[in-house]
Amino acid sequence: ESVNPFALPVDNPPNLLTSAPPAKVPVAGPAVIAAYVDAKGECLGAVPLDLPFPGLTSEIVEELTGKRFEPAVIGSSPAPSWVGLQARLEGKFKESEAAASQ
């Protein structure tokens, strides 16, 4: 059984006295998204597989849905297919607030 040598039982944990959440912080990271493209080349939906900021899921799906692609081909016929996309997301936090301590 592993034991944390720094853990001490306390009656009350430390409480944050002042809130200093990050603001105007530049952020960037890679994203991997799977998009479903029909035989006409229209993206019918997307599933984020790996995101640097999990809260962006709905925005990414909305942005890709309806976009046009060159469709996949089987033989000489267009076919529906999933495609993996990689993107680099960059931005800046304009404001934030501290979450409750746990």
N, C-alpha and C. Protein backbone atom coordinates (compact mmCIF):
# COMPACT_ATOMS: atom_id res chain seq x y z
N GLU A 1 0.85 -1.18 0.00
CA GLU A 1 0.00 0.00 0.00
C GLU A 1 0.89 1.24 0.00
N SER A 2 0.64 2.14 -0.95
CA SER A 2 1.47 3.34 -1.01
C SER A 2 1.00 4.35 0.03
N VAL A 3 1.95 5.10 0.54
CA VAL A 3 1.66 6.10 1.57
C VAL A 3 2.28 7.41 1.14
N ASN A 4 1.51 8.49 1.24
CA ASN A 4 2.03 9.81 0.95
C ASN A 4 2.72 10.34 2.21
N PRO A 5 4.05 10.49 2.18
CA PRO A 5 4.76 10.94 3.39
C PRO A 5 4.47 12.40 3.76
N PHE A 6 3.88 13.16 2.82
CA PHE A 6 3.59 14.57 3.08
C PHE A 6 2.15 14.79 3.57
N ALA A 7 1.33 13.75 3.53
CA ALA A 7 -0.07 13.90 3.94
C ALA A 7 -0.17 13.89 5.46
N LEU A 8 -0.82 14.90 5.99
CA LEU A 8 -1.05 14.98 7.42
C LEU A 8 -2.54 15.20 7.64
N PRO A 9 -3.14 14.52 8.60
CA PRO A 9 -4.56 14.79 8.88
C PRO A 9 -4.71 16.19 9.48
N VAL A 10 -5.68 16.94 8.98
CA VAL A 10 -5.94 18.29 9.51
C VAL A 10 -7.42 18.43 9.80
N ASP A 11 -7.75 19.29 10.72
CA ASP A 11 -9.16 19.53 11.05
C ASP A 11 -9.82 20.41 9.98
N ASN A 12 -9.09 21.40 9.48
CA ASN A 12 -9.60 22.28 8.44
C ASN A 12 -8.51 22.47 7.39
N PRO A 13 -8.82 22.25 6.11
CA PRO A 13 -7.80 22.46 5.07
C PRO A 13 -7.57 23.95 4.85
N PRO A 14 -6.46 24.32 4.22
CA PRO A 14 -6.21 25.74 3.93
C PRO A 14 -7.33 26.32 3.05
N ASN A 15 -7.66 27.57 3.28
CA ASN A 15 -8.67 28.27 2.49
C ASN A 15 -8.02 29.40 1.72
N LEU A 16 -8.42 29.58 0.47
CA LEU A 16 -7.92 30.66 -0.36
C LEU A 16 -8.44 31.99 0.17
N LEU A 17 -7.55 32.91 0.48
CA LEU A 17 -7.96 34.20 1.04
C LEU A 17 -8.26 35.22 -0.05
N THR A 18 -7.49 35.21 -1.11
CA THR A 18 -7.74 36.11 -2.22
C THR A 18 -7.78 35.30 -3.51
N SER A 19 -8.63 35.71 -4.40
CA SER A 19 -8.75 35.00 -5.68
C SER A 19 -7.87 35.69 -6.71
N ALA A 20 -6.99 34.95 -7.31
CA ALA A 20 -6.11 35.49 -8.34
C ALA A 20 -6.09 34.56 -9.54
N PRO A 21 -7.25 34.35 -10.20
CA PRO A 21 -7.26 33.46 -11.36
C PRO A 21 -6.54 34.11 -12.54
N PRO A 22 -6.07 33.30 -13.47
CA PRO A 22 -5.36 33.86 -14.62
C PRO A 22 -6.28 34.72 -15.50
N ALA A 23 -5.71 35.76 -16.06
CA ALA A 23 -6.43 36.63 -17.00
C ALA A 23 -5.45 37.05 -18.08
N LYS A 24 -5.95 37.13 -19.30
CA LYS A 24 -5.14 37.52 -20.46
C LYS A 24 -3.91 36.64 -20.59
N VAL A 25 -4.10 35.34 -20.44
CA VAL A 25 -3.01 34.37 -20.54
C VAL A 25 -3.07 33.71 -21.91
N PRO A 26 -1.97 33.74 -22.68
CA PRO A 26 -1.99 33.07 -23.97
C PRO A 26 -2.00 31.55 -23.79
N VAL A 27 -2.80 30.87 -24.59
CA VAL A 27 -2.89 29.42 -24.52
C VAL A 27 -2.82 28.85 -25.94
N ALA A 28 -2.24 27.66 -26.07
CA ALA A 28 -2.14 27.01 -27.37
C ALA A 28 -1.95 25.52 -27.15
N GLY A 29 -2.41 24.74 -28.11
CA GLY A 29 -2.22 23.30 -28.01
C GLY A 29 -2.82 22.58 -29.21
N PRO A 30 -2.37 21.35 -29.43
CA PRO A 30 -2.87 20.57 -30.56
C PRO A 30 -4.24 19.95 -30.26
N ALA A 31 -5.02 19.76 -31.31
CA ALA A 31 -6.33 19.11 -31.19
C ALA A 31 -6.42 18.03 -32.27
N VAL A 32 -7.12 16.94 -31.95
CA VAL A 32 -7.39 15.88 -32.91
C VAL A 32 -8.90 15.69 -32.95
N ILE A 33 -9.47 15.76 -34.15
CA ILE A 33 -10.92 15.68 -34.33
C ILE A 33 -11.23 14.67 -35.42
N ALA A 34 -12.25 13.84 -35.21
CA ALA A 34 -12.74 12.94 -36.25
C ALA A 34 -14.00 13.57 -36.82
N ALA A 35 -14.05 13.70 -38.16
CA ALA A 35 -15.20 14.30 -38.83
C ALA A 35 -15.84 13.26 -39.75
N TYR A 36 -17.18 13.21 -39.74
CA TYR A 36 -17.90 12.28 -40.63
C TYR A 36 -18.33 13.06 -41.87
N VAL A 37 -17.85 12.64 -43.02
CA VAL A 37 -18.13 13.31 -44.29
C VAL A 37 -18.96 12.37 -45.16
N ASP A 38 -20.11 12.87 -45.66
CA ASP A 38 -20.97 12.02 -46.49
C ASP A 38 -20.44 11.93 -47.92
N ALA A 39 -21.12 11.18 -48.76
CA ALA A 39 -20.67 10.95 -50.14
C ALA A 39 -20.73 12.21 -50.99
N LYS A 40 -21.46 13.24 -50.54
CA LYS A 40 -21.52 14.51 -51.25
C LYS A 40 -20.41 15.46 -50.81
N GLY A 41 -19.66 15.09 -49.77
CA GLY A 41 -18.57 15.91 -49.28
C GLY A 41 -18.95 16.85 -48.16
N GLU A 42 -20.13 16.66 -47.58
CA GLU A 42 -20.57 17.53 -46.49
C GLU A 42 -20.27 16.87 -45.15
N CYS A 43 -19.69 17.65 -44.23
CA CYS A 43 -19.43 17.14 -42.89
C CYS A 43 -20.74 17.12 -42.11
N LEU A 44 -21.16 15.94 -41.69
CA LEU A 44 -22.42 15.79 -40.96
C LEU A 44 -22.24 15.86 -39.45
N GLY A 45 -21.00 15.83 -38.98
CA GLY A 45 -20.74 15.90 -37.55
C GLY A 45 -19.28 15.63 -37.26
N ALA A 46 -18.89 15.86 -36.03
CA ALA A 46 -17.51 15.67 -35.63
C ALA A 46 -17.44 15.21 -34.19
N VAL A 47 -16.34 14.55 -33.86
CA VAL A 47 -16.10 14.08 -32.49
C VAL A 47 -14.67 14.47 -32.11
N PRO A 48 -14.51 15.41 -31.19
CA PRO A 48 -13.16 15.73 -30.72
C PRO A 48 -12.56 14.53 -29.98
N LEU A 49 -11.36 14.13 -30.38
CA LEU A 49 -10.70 12.99 -29.75
C LEU A 49 -9.68 13.43 -28.71
N ASP A 50 -9.05 14.57 -28.95
CA ASP A 50 -8.04 15.07 -28.01
C ASP A 50 -8.03 16.59 -28.13
N LEU A 51 -8.33 17.28 -27.04
CA LEU A 51 -8.39 18.74 -27.05
C LEU A 51 -7.51 19.31 -25.95
N PRO A 52 -6.84 20.44 -26.22
CA PRO A 52 -6.08 21.08 -25.16
C PRO A 52 -7.00 21.79 -24.16
N PHE A 53 -8.23 22.12 -24.57
CA PHE A 53 -9.20 22.81 -23.73
C PHE A 53 -10.54 22.09 -23.88
N PRO A 54 -10.89 21.18 -22.98
CA PRO A 54 -12.11 20.37 -23.13
C PRO A 54 -13.40 21.16 -23.28
N GLY A 55 -13.45 22.38 -22.81
CA GLY A 55 -14.67 23.17 -22.91
C GLY A 55 -15.02 23.62 -24.31
N LEU A 56 -14.17 23.35 -25.29
CA LEU A 56 -14.41 23.80 -26.66
C LEU A 56 -15.12 22.77 -27.53
N THR A 57 -15.55 21.67 -26.96
CA THR A 57 -16.14 20.58 -27.74
C THR A 57 -17.28 21.04 -28.63
N SER A 58 -18.29 21.70 -28.09
CA SER A 58 -19.47 22.08 -28.88
C SER A 58 -19.11 23.08 -29.97
N GLU A 59 -18.20 24.01 -29.69
CA GLU A 59 -17.81 25.00 -30.70
C GLU A 59 -17.11 24.33 -31.88
N ILE A 60 -16.24 23.36 -31.61
CA ILE A 60 -15.53 22.68 -32.69
C ILE A 60 -16.50 21.88 -33.54
N VAL A 61 -17.43 21.16 -32.91
CA VAL A 61 -18.43 20.38 -33.65
C VAL A 61 -19.28 21.29 -34.52
N GLU A 62 -19.75 22.40 -33.95
CA GLU A 62 -20.56 23.36 -34.70
C GLU A 62 -19.80 23.94 -35.89
N GLU A 63 -18.53 24.26 -35.69
CA GLU A 63 -17.73 24.87 -36.74
C GLU A 63 -17.49 23.91 -37.91
N LEU A 64 -17.29 22.63 -37.63
CA LEU A 64 -17.04 21.66 -38.70
C LEU A 64 -18.30 21.17 -39.40
N THR A 65 -19.41 21.09 -38.67
CA THR A 65 -20.66 20.59 -39.26
C THR A 65 -21.09 21.49 -40.40
N GLY A 66 -21.32 20.88 -41.56
CA GLY A 66 -21.73 21.64 -42.74
C GLY A 66 -20.58 22.05 -43.64
N LYS A 67 -19.35 21.96 -43.16
CA LYS A 67 -18.20 22.31 -44.00
C LYS A 67 -18.09 21.31 -45.16
N ARG A 68 -17.50 21.76 -46.26
CA ARG A 68 -17.38 20.94 -47.46
C ARG A 68 -15.99 20.30 -47.53
N PHE A 69 -15.96 19.03 -47.93
CA PHE A 69 -14.74 18.26 -48.13
C PHE A 69 -14.81 17.62 -49.51
N GLU A 70 -13.68 17.21 -50.00
CA GLU A 70 -13.68 16.31 -51.16
C GLU A 70 -14.00 14.94 -50.58
N PRO A 71 -15.07 14.28 -51.05
CA PRO A 71 -15.48 13.03 -50.41
C PRO A 71 -14.48 11.89 -50.64
N ALA A 72 -14.56 10.88 -49.77
CA ALA A 72 -13.77 9.67 -49.95
C ALA A 72 -14.27 8.95 -51.20
N VAL A 73 -13.43 8.09 -51.76
CA VAL A 73 -13.79 7.36 -52.98
C VAL A 73 -13.50 5.88 -52.78
N ILE A 74 -14.46 5.06 -53.18
CA ILE A 74 -14.26 3.61 -53.24
C ILE A 74 -14.40 3.24 -54.71
N GLY A 75 -13.31 2.77 -55.31
CA GLY A 75 -13.33 2.52 -56.75
C GLY A 75 -13.45 3.87 -57.46
N SER A 76 -14.56 4.07 -58.13
CA SER A 76 -14.80 5.36 -58.79
C SER A 76 -16.01 6.09 -58.19
N SER A 77 -16.53 5.55 -57.08
CA SER A 77 -17.74 6.13 -56.48
C SER A 77 -17.43 6.87 -55.18
N PRO A 78 -18.01 8.06 -55.00
CA PRO A 78 -17.88 8.74 -53.71
C PRO A 78 -18.54 7.93 -52.61
N ALA A 79 -17.96 7.97 -51.41
CA ALA A 79 -18.49 7.18 -50.29
C ALA A 79 -18.39 7.97 -48.99
N PRO A 80 -19.31 7.72 -48.07
CA PRO A 80 -19.19 8.37 -46.76
C PRO A 80 -18.02 7.78 -45.99
N SER A 81 -17.40 8.61 -45.16
CA SER A 81 -16.23 8.14 -44.42
C SER A 81 -15.92 9.08 -43.26
N TRP A 82 -15.19 8.56 -42.29
CA TRP A 82 -14.64 9.39 -41.22
C TRP A 82 -13.25 9.84 -41.64
N VAL A 83 -12.86 11.04 -41.25
CA VAL A 83 -11.52 11.54 -41.51
C VAL A 83 -10.97 12.14 -40.22
N GLY A 84 -9.70 11.86 -39.97
CA GLY A 84 -9.04 12.42 -38.80
C GLY A 84 -8.40 13.75 -39.16
N LEU A 85 -8.64 14.77 -38.35
CA LEU A 85 -8.08 16.10 -38.58
C LEU A 85 -7.23 16.51 -37.40
N GLN A 86 -6.14 17.18 -37.68
CA GLN A 86 -5.30 17.74 -36.62
C GLN A 86 -5.31 19.25 -36.77
N ALA A 87 -5.39 19.94 -35.66
CA ALA A 87 -5.40 21.40 -35.68
C ALA A 87 -4.61 21.91 -34.49
N ARG A 88 -4.12 23.11 -34.61
CA ARG A 88 -3.47 23.77 -33.47
C ARG A 88 -4.39 24.90 -33.06
N LEU A 89 -4.87 24.83 -31.82
CA LEU A 89 -5.75 25.86 -31.30
C LEU A 89 -4.94 26.87 -30.52
N GLU A 90 -5.17 28.13 -30.81
CA GLU A 90 -4.46 29.20 -30.12
C GLU A 90 -5.44 30.28 -29.73
N GLY A 91 -5.20 30.89 -28.60
CA GLY A 91 -6.07 31.97 -28.15
C GLY A 91 -5.51 32.60 -26.90
N LYS A 92 -6.39 33.35 -26.23
CA LYS A 92 -5.98 34.02 -25.00
C LYS A 92 -7.18 34.06 -24.07
N PHE A 93 -6.97 33.66 -22.80
CA PHE A 93 -8.02 33.82 -21.80
C PHE A 93 -8.21 35.30 -21.57
N LYS A 94 -9.44 35.78 -21.69
CA LYS A 94 -9.71 37.18 -21.39
C LYS A 94 -10.03 37.37 -19.92
N GLU A 95 -10.71 36.38 -19.34
CA GLU A 95 -11.02 36.46 -17.92
C GLU A 95 -11.30 35.06 -17.41
N SER A 96 -11.24 34.88 -16.11
CA SER A 96 -11.51 33.60 -15.49
C SER A 96 -11.88 33.83 -14.03
N GLU A 97 -12.32 32.78 -13.39
CA GLU A 97 -12.60 32.88 -11.96
C GLU A 97 -12.15 31.60 -11.29
N ALA A 98 -11.78 31.71 -10.05
CA ALA A 98 -11.28 30.55 -9.31
C ALA A 98 -12.43 29.60 -9.00
N ALA A 99 -12.18 28.30 -9.14
CA ALA A 99 -13.15 27.29 -8.79
C ALA A 99 -13.07 27.04 -7.28
N ALA A 100 -14.08 26.37 -6.77
CA ALA A 100 -14.08 26.05 -5.34
C ALA A 100 -12.92 25.10 -5.04
N SER A 101 -12.26 25.31 -3.91
CA SER A 101 -11.16 24.42 -3.53
C SER A 101 -11.72 23.08 -3.06
N GLN A 102 -10.91 22.06 -3.26
CA GLN A 102 -11.33 20.69 -2.86
C GLN A 102 -10.26 20.05 -2.03
